[in-house]
N, C-alpha and C. Protein backbone atom coordinates (compact mmCIF):
# COMPACT_ATOMS: atom_id res chain seq x y z
N MET A 1 161.27 14.24 124.74
CA MET A 1 160.09 14.27 125.61
C MET A 1 159.84 15.69 126.09
N PRO A 2 158.59 16.08 126.22
CA PRO A 2 158.30 17.42 126.72
C PRO A 2 158.72 17.56 128.18
N THR A 3 159.14 18.77 128.53
CA THR A 3 159.57 19.01 129.91
C THR A 3 158.38 19.16 130.85
N LYS A 4 157.23 19.57 130.31
CA LYS A 4 156.04 19.76 131.14
C LYS A 4 155.22 18.47 131.18
N THR A 5 155.65 17.55 132.01
CA THR A 5 154.98 16.26 132.17
C THR A 5 154.51 16.14 133.61
N THR A 6 153.26 15.75 133.78
CA THR A 6 152.68 15.63 135.11
C THR A 6 152.18 14.22 135.33
N ALA A 7 152.67 13.55 136.38
CA ALA A 7 152.22 12.21 136.73
C ALA A 7 150.89 12.30 137.47
N ILE A 8 149.89 11.59 136.98
CA ILE A 8 148.57 11.56 137.61
C ILE A 8 148.42 10.29 138.46
N LEU A 9 148.91 9.18 137.95
CA LEU A 9 148.81 7.90 138.63
C LEU A 9 150.00 7.04 138.25
N GLU A 10 150.52 6.33 139.23
CA GLU A 10 151.58 5.35 138.98
C GLU A 10 151.42 4.25 140.01
N ARG A 11 150.92 3.08 139.55
CA ARG A 11 150.61 2.01 140.49
C ARG A 11 150.58 0.66 139.77
N ASP A 12 151.23 -0.33 140.37
CA ASP A 12 151.19 -1.70 139.88
C ASP A 12 151.55 -1.80 138.41
N GLY A 13 152.58 -1.08 138.01
CA GLY A 13 153.04 -1.15 136.63
C GLY A 13 152.25 -0.31 135.65
N ALA A 14 151.25 0.44 136.14
CA ALA A 14 150.43 1.28 135.28
C ALA A 14 150.75 2.75 135.53
N ILE A 15 150.67 3.56 134.47
CA ILE A 15 150.91 4.99 134.62
C ILE A 15 149.84 5.78 133.86
N LEU A 16 149.54 6.95 134.37
CA LEU A 16 148.69 7.92 133.69
C LEU A 16 149.35 9.26 133.89
N GLU A 17 149.62 9.97 132.79
CA GLU A 17 150.31 11.25 132.89
C GLU A 17 149.84 12.19 131.78
N THR A 18 150.10 13.47 131.97
CA THR A 18 149.79 14.46 130.95
C THR A 18 151.06 15.14 130.49
N TRP A 19 151.08 15.50 129.22
CA TRP A 19 152.18 16.25 128.63
C TRP A 19 151.62 17.56 128.09
N ALA A 20 152.37 18.62 128.24
CA ALA A 20 152.01 19.91 127.63
C ALA A 20 153.12 20.30 126.66
N LEU A 21 152.75 20.64 125.44
CA LEU A 21 153.75 21.01 124.44
C LEU A 21 153.10 21.86 123.36
N ARG A 22 153.94 22.39 122.49
CA ARG A 22 153.47 23.21 121.38
C ARG A 22 153.52 22.39 120.10
N LEU A 23 152.54 22.59 119.23
CA LEU A 23 152.52 21.88 117.96
C LEU A 23 153.80 22.10 117.17
N GLU A 24 154.33 23.31 117.23
CA GLU A 24 155.53 23.63 116.47
C GLU A 24 156.74 22.81 116.92
N ASP A 25 156.69 22.30 118.16
CA ASP A 25 157.82 21.53 118.67
C ASP A 25 157.91 20.14 118.07
N ILE A 26 156.81 19.65 117.50
CA ILE A 26 156.82 18.26 117.01
C ILE A 26 156.51 18.19 115.51
N VAL A 27 156.49 19.32 114.83
CA VAL A 27 156.32 19.32 113.38
C VAL A 27 157.71 19.17 112.75
N THR A 28 158.17 17.95 112.65
CA THR A 28 159.50 17.63 112.15
C THR A 28 159.51 16.20 111.65
N ASP A 29 160.41 15.90 110.75
CA ASP A 29 160.57 14.52 110.27
C ASP A 29 161.51 13.72 111.16
N GLU A 30 162.11 14.39 112.14
CA GLU A 30 163.02 13.70 113.04
C GLU A 30 162.26 12.77 113.97
N LEU A 31 162.84 11.62 114.28
CA LEU A 31 162.26 10.66 115.20
C LEU A 31 163.10 10.60 116.47
N PRO A 32 162.53 10.15 117.57
CA PRO A 32 163.26 10.11 118.84
C PRO A 32 164.52 9.25 118.75
N LYS A 33 165.54 9.67 119.48
CA LYS A 33 166.77 8.89 119.58
C LYS A 33 166.73 7.98 120.81
N ASP A 34 165.53 7.73 121.33
CA ASP A 34 165.35 6.89 122.50
C ASP A 34 165.89 5.49 122.23
N SER A 35 166.67 4.95 123.16
CA SER A 35 167.34 3.67 122.95
C SER A 35 166.36 2.52 122.79
N ALA A 36 165.27 2.52 123.57
CA ALA A 36 164.28 1.44 123.47
C ALA A 36 163.56 1.49 122.13
N PHE A 37 163.23 2.69 121.66
CA PHE A 37 162.59 2.85 120.36
C PHE A 37 163.51 2.37 119.24
N LEU A 38 164.76 2.74 119.32
CA LEU A 38 165.72 2.33 118.29
C LEU A 38 165.96 0.83 118.33
N ALA A 39 165.99 0.23 119.51
CA ALA A 39 166.18 -1.22 119.62
C ALA A 39 165.00 -1.96 119.01
N TYR A 40 163.81 -1.44 119.23
CA TYR A 40 162.60 -2.05 118.65
C TYR A 40 162.68 -2.01 117.13
N ARG A 41 162.99 -0.87 116.59
CA ARG A 41 163.04 -0.73 115.14
C ARG A 41 164.15 -1.59 114.53
N THR A 42 165.27 -1.70 115.24
CA THR A 42 166.36 -2.54 114.75
C THR A 42 165.95 -4.01 114.70
N ALA A 43 165.25 -4.48 115.73
CA ALA A 43 164.80 -5.88 115.76
C ALA A 43 163.83 -6.17 114.62
N ILE A 44 162.92 -5.23 114.35
CA ILE A 44 161.97 -5.41 113.24
C ILE A 44 162.71 -5.42 111.90
N GLN A 45 163.64 -4.51 111.72
CA GLN A 45 164.39 -4.44 110.47
C GLN A 45 165.28 -5.65 110.27
N ARG A 46 165.79 -6.19 111.36
CA ARG A 46 166.64 -7.37 111.28
C ARG A 46 165.89 -8.56 110.67
N ASP A 47 164.58 -8.63 110.95
CA ASP A 47 163.76 -9.70 110.39
C ASP A 47 163.07 -9.28 109.10
N ALA A 48 163.50 -8.15 108.52
CA ALA A 48 162.94 -7.64 107.27
C ALA A 48 161.42 -7.51 107.37
N ALA A 49 160.96 -7.08 108.55
CA ALA A 49 159.52 -7.00 108.82
C ALA A 49 158.98 -5.58 108.74
N ASP A 50 159.81 -4.61 108.35
CA ASP A 50 159.39 -3.21 108.31
C ASP A 50 158.67 -2.90 107.00
N VAL A 51 157.54 -3.58 106.79
CA VAL A 51 156.76 -3.44 105.56
C VAL A 51 155.43 -2.77 105.87
N LEU A 52 154.87 -2.09 104.88
CA LEU A 52 153.64 -1.33 105.08
C LEU A 52 152.48 -2.23 105.49
N ARG A 53 152.32 -3.35 104.78
CA ARG A 53 151.25 -4.30 105.14
C ARG A 53 151.91 -5.54 105.74
N PRO A 54 151.85 -5.68 107.05
CA PRO A 54 152.55 -6.80 107.71
C PRO A 54 152.05 -8.16 107.25
N VAL A 55 152.97 -9.11 107.21
CA VAL A 55 152.66 -10.49 106.86
C VAL A 55 152.98 -11.34 108.09
N ALA A 56 151.94 -11.93 108.68
CA ALA A 56 152.10 -12.70 109.92
C ALA A 56 151.40 -14.05 109.79
N ASP A 57 151.68 -14.92 110.76
CA ASP A 57 151.02 -16.22 110.79
C ASP A 57 149.51 -16.02 110.90
N LEU A 58 148.76 -16.89 110.23
CA LEU A 58 147.31 -16.82 110.31
C LEU A 58 146.85 -17.23 111.70
N PRO A 59 145.82 -16.57 112.23
CA PRO A 59 145.32 -16.91 113.57
C PRO A 59 144.62 -18.27 113.57
N ALA A 60 144.65 -18.93 114.71
CA ALA A 60 143.89 -20.17 114.88
C ALA A 60 142.41 -19.83 114.99
N VAL A 61 141.58 -20.53 114.22
CA VAL A 61 140.14 -20.29 114.24
C VAL A 61 139.46 -21.54 114.76
N ARG A 62 138.75 -21.41 115.90
CA ARG A 62 138.18 -22.59 116.57
C ARG A 62 136.66 -22.67 116.45
N THR A 63 135.99 -21.56 116.19
CA THR A 63 134.53 -21.55 116.15
C THR A 63 134.04 -20.74 114.96
N ASP A 64 132.76 -20.90 114.62
CA ASP A 64 132.17 -20.12 113.54
C ASP A 64 132.18 -18.63 113.88
N ALA A 65 131.99 -18.32 115.17
CA ALA A 65 131.99 -16.92 115.59
C ALA A 65 133.37 -16.30 115.37
N GLU A 66 134.43 -17.05 115.68
CA GLU A 66 135.79 -16.54 115.45
C GLU A 66 136.06 -16.38 113.97
N ALA A 67 135.57 -17.30 113.16
CA ALA A 67 135.77 -17.20 111.72
C ALA A 67 135.10 -15.94 111.18
N GLU A 68 133.89 -15.64 111.66
CA GLU A 68 133.18 -14.43 111.24
C GLU A 68 133.93 -13.18 111.68
N MET A 69 134.46 -13.21 112.90
CA MET A 69 135.22 -12.06 113.39
C MET A 69 136.42 -11.79 112.50
N TRP A 70 137.16 -12.84 112.13
CA TRP A 70 138.35 -12.64 111.30
C TRP A 70 137.98 -12.22 109.88
N ARG A 71 136.83 -12.66 109.37
CA ARG A 71 136.38 -12.17 108.06
C ARG A 71 136.14 -10.66 108.12
N ASN A 72 135.55 -10.21 109.22
CA ASN A 72 135.32 -8.78 109.38
C ASN A 72 136.62 -8.01 109.53
N GLU A 73 137.59 -8.59 110.26
CA GLU A 73 138.89 -7.93 110.40
C GLU A 73 139.56 -7.80 109.02
N HIS A 74 139.55 -8.86 108.24
CA HIS A 74 140.17 -8.80 106.91
C HIS A 74 139.44 -7.83 105.99
N PHE A 75 138.11 -7.75 106.12
CA PHE A 75 137.33 -6.79 105.33
C PHE A 75 137.79 -5.37 105.64
N ASN A 76 137.90 -5.05 106.94
CA ASN A 76 138.34 -3.70 107.34
C ASN A 76 139.76 -3.43 106.86
N ASN A 77 140.65 -4.40 107.05
CA ASN A 77 142.05 -4.20 106.65
C ASN A 77 142.16 -3.93 105.15
N ASP A 78 141.38 -4.66 104.35
CA ASP A 78 141.44 -4.46 102.90
C ASP A 78 141.01 -3.04 102.53
N LEU A 79 139.96 -2.52 103.19
CA LEU A 79 139.53 -1.15 102.92
C LEU A 79 140.63 -0.16 103.27
N VAL A 80 141.27 -0.37 104.40
CA VAL A 80 142.31 0.55 104.85
C VAL A 80 143.51 0.51 103.91
N PHE A 81 143.97 -0.69 103.58
CA PHE A 81 145.22 -0.78 102.81
C PHE A 81 145.05 -0.38 101.35
N ARG A 82 143.83 -0.36 100.86
CA ARG A 82 143.66 0.15 99.51
C ARG A 82 143.28 1.62 99.50
N GLY A 83 143.29 2.26 100.68
CA GLY A 83 143.10 3.70 100.78
C GLY A 83 141.67 4.16 100.75
N ALA A 84 140.70 3.24 100.93
CA ALA A 84 139.30 3.62 100.92
C ALA A 84 138.87 4.26 102.24
N VAL A 85 139.59 3.96 103.32
CA VAL A 85 139.30 4.53 104.63
C VAL A 85 140.61 5.02 105.24
N GLY A 86 140.70 6.30 105.52
CA GLY A 86 141.89 6.85 106.16
C GLY A 86 143.13 6.72 105.28
N SER A 87 144.28 6.85 105.93
CA SER A 87 145.56 6.72 105.23
C SER A 87 146.59 6.13 106.19
N ILE A 88 147.62 5.53 105.62
CA ILE A 88 148.72 4.98 106.40
C ILE A 88 150.00 5.68 105.97
N ARG A 89 150.71 6.23 106.94
CA ARG A 89 151.94 6.97 106.65
C ARG A 89 153.02 6.58 107.64
N PRO A 90 154.27 6.88 107.34
CA PRO A 90 155.33 6.65 108.33
C PRO A 90 155.02 7.39 109.63
N ILE A 91 155.42 6.81 110.74
CA ILE A 91 155.10 7.37 112.05
C ILE A 91 155.64 8.79 112.18
N SER A 92 154.87 9.66 112.83
CA SER A 92 155.25 11.06 113.02
C SER A 92 156.05 11.22 114.30
N CYS A 93 156.59 12.41 114.48
CA CYS A 93 157.43 12.70 115.64
C CYS A 93 156.68 12.48 116.95
N LEU A 94 155.50 13.11 117.10
CA LEU A 94 154.76 12.99 118.35
C LEU A 94 154.34 11.55 118.61
N ASP A 95 153.83 10.87 117.58
CA ASP A 95 153.37 9.50 117.77
C ASP A 95 154.54 8.58 118.10
N ALA A 96 155.71 8.87 117.55
CA ALA A 96 156.90 8.09 117.89
C ALA A 96 157.31 8.34 119.35
N LEU A 97 157.14 9.58 119.82
CA LEU A 97 157.42 9.87 121.23
C LEU A 97 156.49 9.08 122.15
N LEU A 98 155.22 8.98 121.75
CA LEU A 98 154.26 8.21 122.54
C LEU A 98 154.65 6.73 122.56
N PHE A 99 154.97 6.20 121.39
CA PHE A 99 155.41 4.80 121.32
C PHE A 99 156.66 4.59 122.16
N SER A 100 157.59 5.53 122.08
CA SER A 100 158.85 5.43 122.83
C SER A 100 158.62 5.44 124.32
N ARG A 101 157.63 6.21 124.77
CA ARG A 101 157.36 6.28 126.21
C ARG A 101 157.01 4.91 126.75
N GLN A 102 156.15 4.18 126.04
CA GLN A 102 155.80 2.85 126.52
C GLN A 102 156.94 1.85 126.31
N ALA A 103 157.64 1.96 125.17
CA ALA A 103 158.75 1.04 124.89
C ALA A 103 159.88 1.21 125.90
N SER A 104 160.06 2.43 126.42
CA SER A 104 161.11 2.66 127.41
C SER A 104 160.76 2.05 128.77
N ARG A 105 159.45 1.83 128.98
CA ARG A 105 159.00 1.21 130.23
C ARG A 105 159.08 -0.31 130.14
N ILE A 106 158.62 -0.85 129.02
CA ILE A 106 158.52 -2.30 128.82
C ILE A 106 158.88 -2.61 127.37
N SER A 107 159.75 -3.58 127.16
CA SER A 107 160.19 -3.91 125.80
C SER A 107 159.01 -4.31 124.92
N GLU A 108 158.87 -3.63 123.78
CA GLU A 108 157.80 -3.98 122.84
C GLU A 108 158.13 -5.22 122.02
N ILE A 109 159.33 -5.75 122.20
CA ILE A 109 159.70 -7.02 121.56
C ILE A 109 159.53 -8.17 122.54
N ASP A 110 160.06 -8.02 123.75
CA ASP A 110 160.05 -9.12 124.73
C ASP A 110 158.72 -9.25 125.46
N HIS A 111 158.03 -8.13 125.67
CA HIS A 111 156.77 -8.15 126.43
C HIS A 111 155.83 -7.10 125.83
N PRO A 112 155.28 -7.37 124.66
CA PRO A 112 154.49 -6.36 123.95
C PRO A 112 153.28 -5.88 124.76
N THR A 113 153.10 -4.58 124.77
CA THR A 113 151.97 -3.96 125.47
C THR A 113 151.43 -2.80 124.63
N GLU A 114 150.17 -2.47 124.86
CA GLU A 114 149.56 -1.33 124.19
C GLU A 114 149.49 -0.13 125.14
N PHE A 115 149.62 1.05 124.56
CA PHE A 115 149.34 2.29 125.29
C PHE A 115 148.09 2.92 124.68
N LEU A 116 147.53 3.89 125.37
CA LEU A 116 146.39 4.65 124.86
C LEU A 116 146.65 6.12 125.20
N ALA A 117 146.55 6.97 124.21
CA ALA A 117 146.78 8.40 124.45
C ALA A 117 145.72 9.24 123.75
N SER A 118 145.36 10.32 124.39
CA SER A 118 144.46 11.32 123.83
C SER A 118 145.25 12.60 123.59
N VAL A 119 145.08 13.19 122.42
CA VAL A 119 145.79 14.43 122.08
C VAL A 119 144.75 15.53 121.89
N LEU A 120 144.82 16.54 122.76
CA LEU A 120 143.89 17.68 122.70
C LEU A 120 144.62 18.90 122.17
N ARG A 121 143.85 19.78 121.56
CA ARG A 121 144.45 20.92 120.85
C ARG A 121 143.67 22.19 121.13
N ARG A 122 144.40 23.31 121.25
CA ARG A 122 143.76 24.61 121.41
C ARG A 122 144.53 25.64 120.61
N GLU A 123 143.85 26.33 119.72
CA GLU A 123 144.50 27.32 118.87
C GLU A 123 144.71 28.61 119.67
N THR A 124 145.86 29.23 119.46
CA THR A 124 146.18 30.52 120.09
C THR A 124 146.62 31.49 119.01
N THR A 125 146.87 32.72 119.39
CA THR A 125 147.31 33.72 118.42
C THR A 125 148.71 33.43 117.90
N THR A 126 149.46 32.58 118.62
CA THR A 126 150.84 32.28 118.20
C THR A 126 151.02 30.83 117.75
N GLY A 127 149.92 30.12 117.53
CA GLY A 127 150.04 28.74 117.12
C GLY A 127 149.07 27.86 117.88
N ALA A 128 149.44 26.60 118.06
CA ALA A 128 148.55 25.65 118.73
C ALA A 128 149.24 25.03 119.95
N ASP A 129 148.49 25.02 121.06
CA ASP A 129 148.93 24.30 122.25
C ASP A 129 148.38 22.87 122.19
N LEU A 130 149.15 21.92 122.69
CA LEU A 130 148.71 20.53 122.75
C LEU A 130 148.80 20.02 124.17
N VAL A 131 147.87 19.15 124.53
CA VAL A 131 147.95 18.39 125.77
C VAL A 131 147.77 16.92 125.41
N VAL A 132 148.66 16.09 125.91
CA VAL A 132 148.57 14.64 125.72
C VAL A 132 148.20 14.00 127.05
N VAL A 133 147.21 13.13 127.02
CA VAL A 133 146.86 12.32 128.18
C VAL A 133 147.29 10.89 127.84
N PHE A 134 148.34 10.43 128.51
CA PHE A 134 148.99 9.16 128.15
C PHE A 134 148.75 8.11 129.23
N GLY A 135 148.33 6.91 128.82
CA GLY A 135 148.14 5.82 129.76
C GLY A 135 148.78 4.54 129.26
N GLY A 136 149.38 3.78 130.16
CA GLY A 136 149.98 2.50 129.80
C GLY A 136 150.03 1.60 131.00
N GLY A 137 150.08 0.30 130.74
CA GLY A 137 150.17 -0.68 131.83
C GLY A 137 151.34 -1.62 131.61
N SER A 138 151.34 -2.73 132.33
CA SER A 138 152.40 -3.72 132.20
C SER A 138 151.91 -5.00 131.55
N GLU A 139 150.61 -5.08 131.25
CA GLU A 139 150.04 -6.23 130.54
C GLU A 139 149.73 -5.81 129.11
N MET A 140 149.20 -6.74 128.32
CA MET A 140 148.96 -6.45 126.91
C MET A 140 148.11 -5.20 126.71
N PHE A 141 147.02 -5.08 127.46
CA PHE A 141 146.13 -3.94 127.30
C PHE A 141 146.17 -3.05 128.54
N PRO A 142 146.16 -1.74 128.37
CA PRO A 142 146.19 -0.85 129.54
C PRO A 142 144.91 -0.99 130.36
N PRO A 143 145.00 -0.94 131.68
CA PRO A 143 143.78 -0.99 132.50
C PRO A 143 142.94 0.26 132.31
N LYS A 144 141.65 0.14 132.53
CA LYS A 144 140.75 1.27 132.29
C LYS A 144 141.07 2.46 133.18
N GLU A 145 141.72 2.22 134.32
CA GLU A 145 142.04 3.33 135.21
C GLU A 145 143.04 4.31 134.62
N VAL A 146 143.72 3.92 133.52
CA VAL A 146 144.66 4.85 132.89
C VAL A 146 144.17 5.34 131.53
N TYR A 147 142.89 5.11 131.21
CA TYR A 147 142.36 5.66 129.96
C TYR A 147 142.36 7.19 129.99
N GLY A 148 142.14 7.77 131.15
CA GLY A 148 142.26 9.22 131.31
C GLY A 148 141.12 10.04 130.75
N PHE A 149 139.96 9.44 130.53
CA PHE A 149 138.88 10.19 129.90
C PHE A 149 138.29 11.26 130.81
N GLU A 150 138.40 11.08 132.13
CA GLU A 150 137.91 12.13 133.02
C GLU A 150 138.77 13.39 132.88
N ILE A 151 140.05 13.21 132.60
CA ILE A 151 140.93 14.36 132.35
C ILE A 151 140.58 15.01 131.02
N VAL A 152 140.35 14.17 130.00
CA VAL A 152 139.96 14.70 128.69
C VAL A 152 138.71 15.55 128.81
N ARG A 153 137.72 15.07 129.57
CA ARG A 153 136.48 15.82 129.72
C ARG A 153 136.71 17.19 130.35
N ARG A 154 137.64 17.25 131.29
CA ARG A 154 137.93 18.54 131.92
C ARG A 154 138.51 19.54 130.90
N PHE A 155 139.39 19.06 130.06
CA PHE A 155 139.95 19.94 129.03
C PHE A 155 138.89 20.34 128.01
N LEU A 156 138.02 19.43 127.65
CA LEU A 156 136.95 19.77 126.72
C LEU A 156 136.06 20.86 127.31
N ALA A 157 135.80 20.77 128.60
CA ALA A 157 134.96 21.78 129.27
C ALA A 157 135.64 23.15 129.26
N GLU A 158 136.97 23.16 129.13
CA GLU A 158 137.72 24.42 129.11
C GLU A 158 137.91 24.95 127.69
N GLY A 159 137.31 24.26 126.71
CA GLY A 159 137.35 24.77 125.35
C GLY A 159 138.36 24.12 124.43
N TRP A 160 139.07 23.08 124.91
CA TRP A 160 140.00 22.36 124.05
C TRP A 160 139.21 21.46 123.11
N SER A 161 139.82 21.10 121.98
CA SER A 161 139.20 20.15 121.05
C SER A 161 139.94 18.82 121.14
N TYR A 162 139.19 17.73 120.95
CA TYR A 162 139.75 16.37 121.03
C TYR A 162 140.27 16.01 119.64
N TRP A 163 141.53 16.33 119.40
CA TRP A 163 142.12 16.19 118.07
C TRP A 163 142.17 14.73 117.63
N TYR A 164 142.88 13.88 118.40
CA TYR A 164 142.89 12.46 118.05
C TYR A 164 143.21 11.59 119.25
N SER A 165 142.82 10.33 119.11
CA SER A 165 143.17 9.29 120.08
C SER A 165 144.04 8.28 119.35
N ILE A 166 145.04 7.77 120.03
CA ILE A 166 145.98 6.85 119.39
C ILE A 166 146.33 5.70 120.33
N HIS A 167 146.47 4.51 119.77
CA HIS A 167 147.04 3.38 120.50
C HIS A 167 147.90 2.59 119.51
N ASN A 168 148.62 1.63 120.03
CA ASN A 168 149.50 0.83 119.18
C ASN A 168 148.99 -0.60 119.06
N HIS A 169 149.32 -1.23 117.94
CA HIS A 169 149.13 -2.66 117.77
C HIS A 169 150.49 -3.34 117.84
N THR A 170 150.56 -4.38 118.65
CA THR A 170 151.85 -4.97 119.01
C THR A 170 152.34 -5.97 117.96
N VAL A 171 153.59 -6.38 118.14
CA VAL A 171 154.23 -7.28 117.18
C VAL A 171 153.51 -8.63 117.11
N GLN A 172 153.61 -9.24 115.93
CA GLN A 172 153.09 -10.57 115.68
C GLN A 172 154.27 -11.48 115.35
N LYS A 173 153.96 -12.70 114.95
CA LYS A 173 155.01 -13.65 114.56
C LYS A 173 154.78 -14.11 113.12
N ARG A 174 155.88 -14.38 112.44
CA ARG A 174 155.88 -14.99 111.12
C ARG A 174 156.88 -16.13 111.17
N GLY A 175 156.38 -17.30 111.58
CA GLY A 175 157.30 -18.39 111.85
C GLY A 175 158.17 -18.05 113.05
N ASP A 176 159.47 -18.11 112.86
CA ASP A 176 160.40 -17.74 113.92
C ASP A 176 160.79 -16.27 113.88
N SER A 177 160.21 -15.53 112.96
CA SER A 177 160.55 -14.12 112.78
C SER A 177 159.44 -13.21 113.32
N LEU A 178 159.79 -11.96 113.46
CA LEU A 178 158.83 -10.96 113.91
C LEU A 178 158.02 -10.43 112.74
N ALA A 179 156.82 -9.95 113.04
CA ALA A 179 156.00 -9.21 112.08
C ALA A 179 155.39 -8.03 112.81
N LEU A 180 155.22 -6.94 112.12
CA LEU A 180 154.62 -5.75 112.72
C LEU A 180 153.15 -5.98 113.02
N GLY A 181 152.64 -5.23 114.00
CA GLY A 181 151.20 -5.18 114.22
C GLY A 181 150.53 -4.48 113.05
N ILE A 182 149.26 -4.77 112.84
CA ILE A 182 148.53 -4.18 111.72
C ILE A 182 148.21 -2.71 112.01
N PRO A 183 148.63 -1.78 111.15
CA PRO A 183 148.31 -0.36 111.37
C PRO A 183 146.93 -0.02 110.83
N ALA A 184 145.92 -0.58 111.47
CA ALA A 184 144.53 -0.35 111.09
C ALA A 184 143.67 -0.64 112.30
N PRO A 185 142.52 0.02 112.43
CA PRO A 185 141.65 -0.24 113.58
C PRO A 185 141.01 -1.62 113.50
N SER A 186 141.02 -2.33 114.61
CA SER A 186 140.33 -3.62 114.69
C SER A 186 138.83 -3.39 114.78
N THR A 187 138.06 -4.47 114.69
CA THR A 187 136.60 -4.33 114.81
C THR A 187 136.22 -3.80 116.19
N SER A 188 136.94 -4.21 117.23
CA SER A 188 136.65 -3.67 118.57
C SER A 188 137.08 -2.21 118.67
N ASP A 189 138.18 -1.83 118.00
CA ASP A 189 138.59 -0.43 117.96
C ASP A 189 137.51 0.44 117.33
N VAL A 190 136.91 -0.06 116.25
CA VAL A 190 135.88 0.72 115.55
C VAL A 190 134.73 1.05 116.50
N GLN A 191 134.29 0.06 117.24
CA GLN A 191 133.21 0.29 118.20
C GLN A 191 133.62 1.29 119.28
N PHE A 192 134.84 1.13 119.78
CA PHE A 192 135.36 2.00 120.84
C PHE A 192 135.43 3.45 120.38
N TYR A 193 135.97 3.68 119.19
CA TYR A 193 136.17 5.04 118.72
C TYR A 193 134.87 5.69 118.26
N ARG A 194 133.95 4.89 117.75
CA ARG A 194 132.64 5.46 117.43
C ARG A 194 131.99 6.05 118.69
N SER A 195 132.11 5.34 119.80
CA SER A 195 131.51 5.84 121.04
C SER A 195 132.21 7.11 121.51
N LEU A 196 133.54 7.18 121.35
CA LEU A 196 134.25 8.40 121.74
C LEU A 196 133.85 9.58 120.86
N GLY A 197 133.62 9.32 119.58
CA GLY A 197 133.17 10.38 118.70
C GLY A 197 131.81 10.91 119.11
N LYS A 198 130.93 10.01 119.49
CA LYS A 198 129.57 10.40 119.88
C LYS A 198 129.54 11.10 121.23
N GLU A 199 130.28 10.56 122.21
CA GLU A 199 130.20 11.05 123.58
C GLU A 199 131.13 12.22 123.86
N MET A 200 132.30 12.28 123.16
CA MET A 200 133.31 13.27 123.53
C MET A 200 133.80 14.09 122.35
N ARG A 201 133.11 13.99 121.22
CA ARG A 201 133.44 14.79 120.03
C ARG A 201 134.87 14.53 119.55
N LEU A 202 135.32 13.29 119.65
CA LEU A 202 136.63 12.93 119.12
C LEU A 202 136.63 13.15 117.61
N ASP A 203 137.67 13.82 117.10
CA ASP A 203 137.74 14.16 115.68
C ASP A 203 138.32 13.02 114.85
N SER A 204 139.42 12.40 115.32
CA SER A 204 140.07 11.38 114.50
C SER A 204 140.80 10.37 115.38
N LEU A 205 141.26 9.29 114.75
CA LEU A 205 141.95 8.23 115.48
C LEU A 205 143.19 7.82 114.72
N ARG A 206 144.13 7.26 115.47
CA ARG A 206 145.35 6.74 114.87
C ARG A 206 145.68 5.40 115.50
N VAL A 207 146.27 4.53 114.69
CA VAL A 207 146.76 3.23 115.16
C VAL A 207 148.16 3.07 114.61
N THR A 208 149.14 2.87 115.48
CA THR A 208 150.53 2.80 115.04
C THR A 208 151.18 1.49 115.43
N ASN A 209 152.23 1.12 114.71
CA ASN A 209 153.02 -0.06 115.08
C ASN A 209 154.49 0.30 115.29
N GLY A 210 154.76 1.59 115.40
CA GLY A 210 156.14 2.04 115.61
C GLY A 210 156.88 2.35 114.33
N PHE A 211 156.31 1.95 113.18
CA PHE A 211 156.87 2.28 111.86
C PHE A 211 155.86 3.05 111.02
N TYR A 212 154.63 2.55 111.02
CA TYR A 212 153.56 3.13 110.22
C TYR A 212 152.35 3.42 111.10
N THR A 213 151.60 4.46 110.71
CA THR A 213 150.45 4.88 111.50
C THR A 213 149.24 5.09 110.59
N PHE A 214 148.12 4.47 110.97
CA PHE A 214 146.85 4.74 110.34
C PHE A 214 146.27 6.02 110.93
N ASN A 215 145.71 6.85 110.07
CA ASN A 215 145.07 8.10 110.48
C ASN A 215 143.75 8.21 109.75
N GLY A 216 142.66 8.30 110.50
CA GLY A 216 141.36 8.42 109.87
C GLY A 216 140.42 9.24 110.73
N SER A 217 139.44 9.87 110.10
CA SER A 217 138.45 10.64 110.84
C SER A 217 137.38 9.71 111.39
N ILE A 218 136.72 10.16 112.43
CA ILE A 218 135.63 9.39 113.01
C ILE A 218 134.53 9.16 111.97
N ASN A 219 134.29 10.13 111.10
CA ASN A 219 133.24 10.01 110.10
C ASN A 219 133.52 8.88 109.12
N GLU A 220 134.78 8.52 108.92
CA GLU A 220 135.12 7.46 107.98
C GLU A 220 134.83 6.06 108.53
N LEU A 221 134.62 5.96 109.83
CA LEU A 221 134.44 4.64 110.45
C LEU A 221 133.15 3.97 110.03
N GLY A 222 132.23 4.74 109.43
CA GLY A 222 130.97 4.15 109.00
C GLY A 222 131.15 3.05 107.97
N ALA A 223 132.27 3.07 107.25
CA ALA A 223 132.52 2.05 106.22
C ALA A 223 133.08 0.76 106.81
N LEU A 224 133.51 0.80 108.08
CA LEU A 224 134.16 -0.36 108.67
C LEU A 224 133.18 -1.15 109.53
N ARG A 225 133.49 -2.43 109.70
CA ARG A 225 132.66 -3.30 110.52
C ARG A 225 133.14 -3.28 111.96
N ALA A 226 132.18 -3.34 112.88
CA ALA A 226 132.49 -3.31 114.30
C ALA A 226 132.14 -4.63 114.95
N ARG A 227 132.80 -4.91 116.08
CA ARG A 227 132.53 -6.16 116.79
C ARG A 227 131.32 -5.98 117.70
């Protein structure tokens, strides 16, 4: 974890904080030795669930609207997994640190939750500086008060670029076994990130499950369906 971490908010199980670090510090194939991160990966591997395209129980479909939504989700997933939109790669050092931060707060196996982080970048004569705006809660989805976009806007006004936004997709079930979350943007994610690209000049997005991470540019989202 970076030593330059600043707490902005900590209330009712939710946190918002910023990290300052150098790009050169996280350009490595090494992953965190964080105990919660390692426990998560061990549980997934124990169920032989560490596969690129997760296999999970089919969702219950109760209405025509839900059926249409899932058709759109499968359409997007097929584009992603065949490489037509973005790419999926093993999780990187920085993204693993972000995942570890939330996993160290709340077990991603026993009580799965999503985090949301913005990564800003500024080039210097000696390399690139990074700022991470990290938000997480204690329920499945982080509350809007920890999205941190007001902080992002301040950095943008100072000349930083909005390199990428990342969140995680949580574990699923395959019978009595675990399955990884899908490393691809959902239809609601597509809508969310399109708006960030338009309003805040977001360059790219990532979706991780702690093993694999989708990485795509905002411009590629035009091929995907939104909710």
